[in-house]
Structures are given as structure tokens and as C-alpha cells.
Amino acid sequence: GWLLKRGGGTSVAGRRTWKRRYFVLEGPTLRYFDRPNGDEVGLYDLANVLRAEACAATDARGVAFEFELCARGGASVDRRLRAADWDERTGWLQKLNDAIRLAAPD
């Protein structure tokens, strides 16, 4: 489904930009596209992710539907995503953490 992904680039004001991407969870891989049935833009290998967790950050309206993927081994990770609402974020966190557990190396 649709999520906002914080990009690596910055705006003119020096802030990181958010891009709307279509995400598909396929086993241990979270793929994202420019649109449904569109070109794949990137992917996350969940075997390299320790957990998905909610973030305390809020936007200008006080909305906090962000979550991030935390890397294994204490690596610095900046994979922050934003759902449209609380229920959507909860659903993504549950599905991602289930997939992360299954993808975890022994």
C-alpha cells in the first residue's frame, strides 16, 4: 500500500523530503514502487533489519504515524516511513515485524 518514505535528498530549506511510494511486502523483502504495477524504485532486505518500530516524531499538525526500520548490529539506519493513520501504521508494524522474525538469520 501507499506510504510516505523519507528520502535521502534535501529541499531548498535543507530538510529531507518525503516521497509517496507504493510498498509491497514479499516474504523477506519490502519493495517500493513509483506507483502500483509501476517501476521498482528500491527495496529493503528484512534479513538486515532488527525491528520496525513506531517513532515519536510528529508533523506540523501533531500527527505521528511514522515508523522506522532499525538495522541489525547497531548500524545507523535512516529508513523512516509514514502511514496515513494510526491503524495503517499499526498494521504495517505488525506485518513487518512478523516478516523480520521469519527473515532473521539463525
Protein backbone atom coordinates (compact mmCIF):
# COMPACT_ATOMS: atom_id res chain seq x y z
CA GLY A 1 0.00 0.00 0.00
CA TRP A 2 0.88 3.68 -0.11
CA LEU A 3 3.35 5.12 2.40
CA LEU A 4 5.49 8.22 2.51
CA LYS A 5 9.23 7.49 2.52
CA ARG A 6 11.76 9.97 3.80
CA GLY A 7 14.29 10.41 1.06
CA GLY A 8 18.00 10.96 1.19
CA GLY A 9 17.84 14.30 -0.60
CA THR A 10 17.09 17.66 0.90
CA SER A 11 14.82 20.50 -0.07
CA VAL A 12 15.91 24.09 -0.67
CA ALA A 13 15.28 24.72 3.04
CA GLY A 14 17.74 21.94 3.91
CA ARG A 15 15.12 19.43 5.08
CA ARG A 16 14.81 15.88 3.93
CA THR A 17 11.96 15.37 1.52
CA TRP A 18 9.12 12.85 1.74
CA LYS A 19 8.07 10.89 -1.35
CA ARG A 20 4.89 8.91 -1.83
CA ARG A 21 5.73 5.32 -2.74
CA TYR A 22 3.74 2.13 -3.20
CA PHE A 23 5.09 -0.64 -0.94
CA VAL A 24 4.74 -4.40 -1.35
CA LEU A 25 5.89 -6.91 1.27
CA GLU A 26 7.07 -10.11 -0.43
CA GLY A 27 8.44 -12.60 2.09
CA PRO A 28 11.69 -11.15 3.49
CA THR A 29 11.72 -8.20 1.07
CA LEU A 30 9.92 -4.87 1.26
CA ARG A 31 9.83 -3.43 -2.26
CA TYR A 32 8.71 0.06 -3.21
CA PHE A 33 7.48 1.45 -6.50
CA ASP A 34 6.61 4.81 -8.01
CA ARG A 35 3.01 3.54 -8.44
CA PRO A 36 1.08 0.23 -8.32
CA ASN A 37 2.36 -2.02 -11.14
CA GLY A 38 4.99 0.66 -11.84
CA ASP A 39 8.76 0.64 -11.85
CA GLU A 40 10.51 -0.65 -8.76
CA VAL A 41 12.36 2.21 -7.11
CA GLY A 42 14.09 0.24 -4.35
CA LEU A 43 13.86 -2.45 -1.73
CA TYR A 44 14.73 -3.33 1.86
CA ASP A 45 16.10 -6.78 2.68
CA LEU A 46 14.41 -7.51 6.01
CA ALA A 47 17.13 -10.03 6.95
CA ASN A 48 19.25 -6.91 7.65
CA VAL A 49 16.57 -5.32 9.83
CA LEU A 50 16.32 -5.93 13.57
CA ARG A 51 12.83 -4.48 14.04
CA ALA A 52 10.26 -1.99 12.80
CA GLU A 53 9.24 0.50 15.48
CA ALA A 54 6.98 3.49 15.89
CA CYS A 55 8.64 6.91 16.10
CA ALA A 56 7.67 9.68 18.48
CA ALA A 57 8.21 12.31 15.79
CA THR A 58 5.20 14.39 14.76
CA ASP A 59 4.50 16.56 11.78
CA ALA A 60 3.40 20.20 11.92
CA ARG A 61 -0.17 19.13 12.70
CA GLY A 62 0.94 16.86 15.55
CA VAL A 63 0.27 13.70 13.53
CA ALA A 64 2.55 10.80 14.49
CA PHE A 65 2.13 7.91 12.09
CA GLU A 66 5.82 7.45 11.36
CA PHE A 67 7.86 4.30 11.85
CA GLU A 68 11.38 3.21 11.02
CA LEU A 69 13.33 0.11 10.17
CA CYS A 70 16.21 -0.44 12.62
CA ALA A 71 19.29 -2.25 11.32
CA ARG A 72 20.93 -5.27 12.91
CA GLY A 73 24.25 -4.80 14.68
CA GLY A 74 23.69 -1.20 15.72
CA ALA A 75 24.23 0.20 12.24
CA SER A 76 22.91 3.66 11.63
CA VAL A 77 19.65 3.44 9.72
CA ASP A 78 17.54 6.15 8.23
CA ARG A 79 14.62 4.27 6.81
CA ARG A 80 11.71 6.29 8.06
CA LEU A 81 8.22 5.75 6.67
CA ARG A 82 4.88 7.43 7.35
CA ALA A 83 1.44 5.85 7.18
CA ALA A 84 -1.83 7.72 6.58
CA ASP A 85 -3.29 6.92 10.00
CA TRP A 86 -2.84 5.04 13.27
CA ASP A 87 -4.47 1.79 12.10
CA GLU A 88 -2.43 1.68 8.92
CA ARG A 89 0.81 2.22 10.84
CA THR A 90 -0.15 -0.48 13.35
CA GLY A 91 -0.88 -2.91 10.51
CA TRP A 92 2.42 -2.22 8.78
CA LEU A 93 4.39 -2.59 12.02
CA GLN A 94 2.74 -5.93 12.76
CA LYS A 95 3.29 -7.34 9.26
CA LEU A 96 6.86 -6.05 9.02
CA ASN A 97 7.89 -7.41 12.43
CA ASP A 98 6.38 -10.81 11.54
CA ALA A 99 8.39 -10.84 8.28
CA ILE A 100 11.55 -9.66 10.10
CA ARG A 101 11.27 -12.54 12.59
CA LEU A 102 10.95 -15.04 9.74
CA ALA A 103 13.87 -13.48 7.84
CA ALA A 104 16.19 -13.32 10.86
CA PRO A 105 19.47 -15.20 10.35
CA ASP A 106 19.96 -18.15 12.69
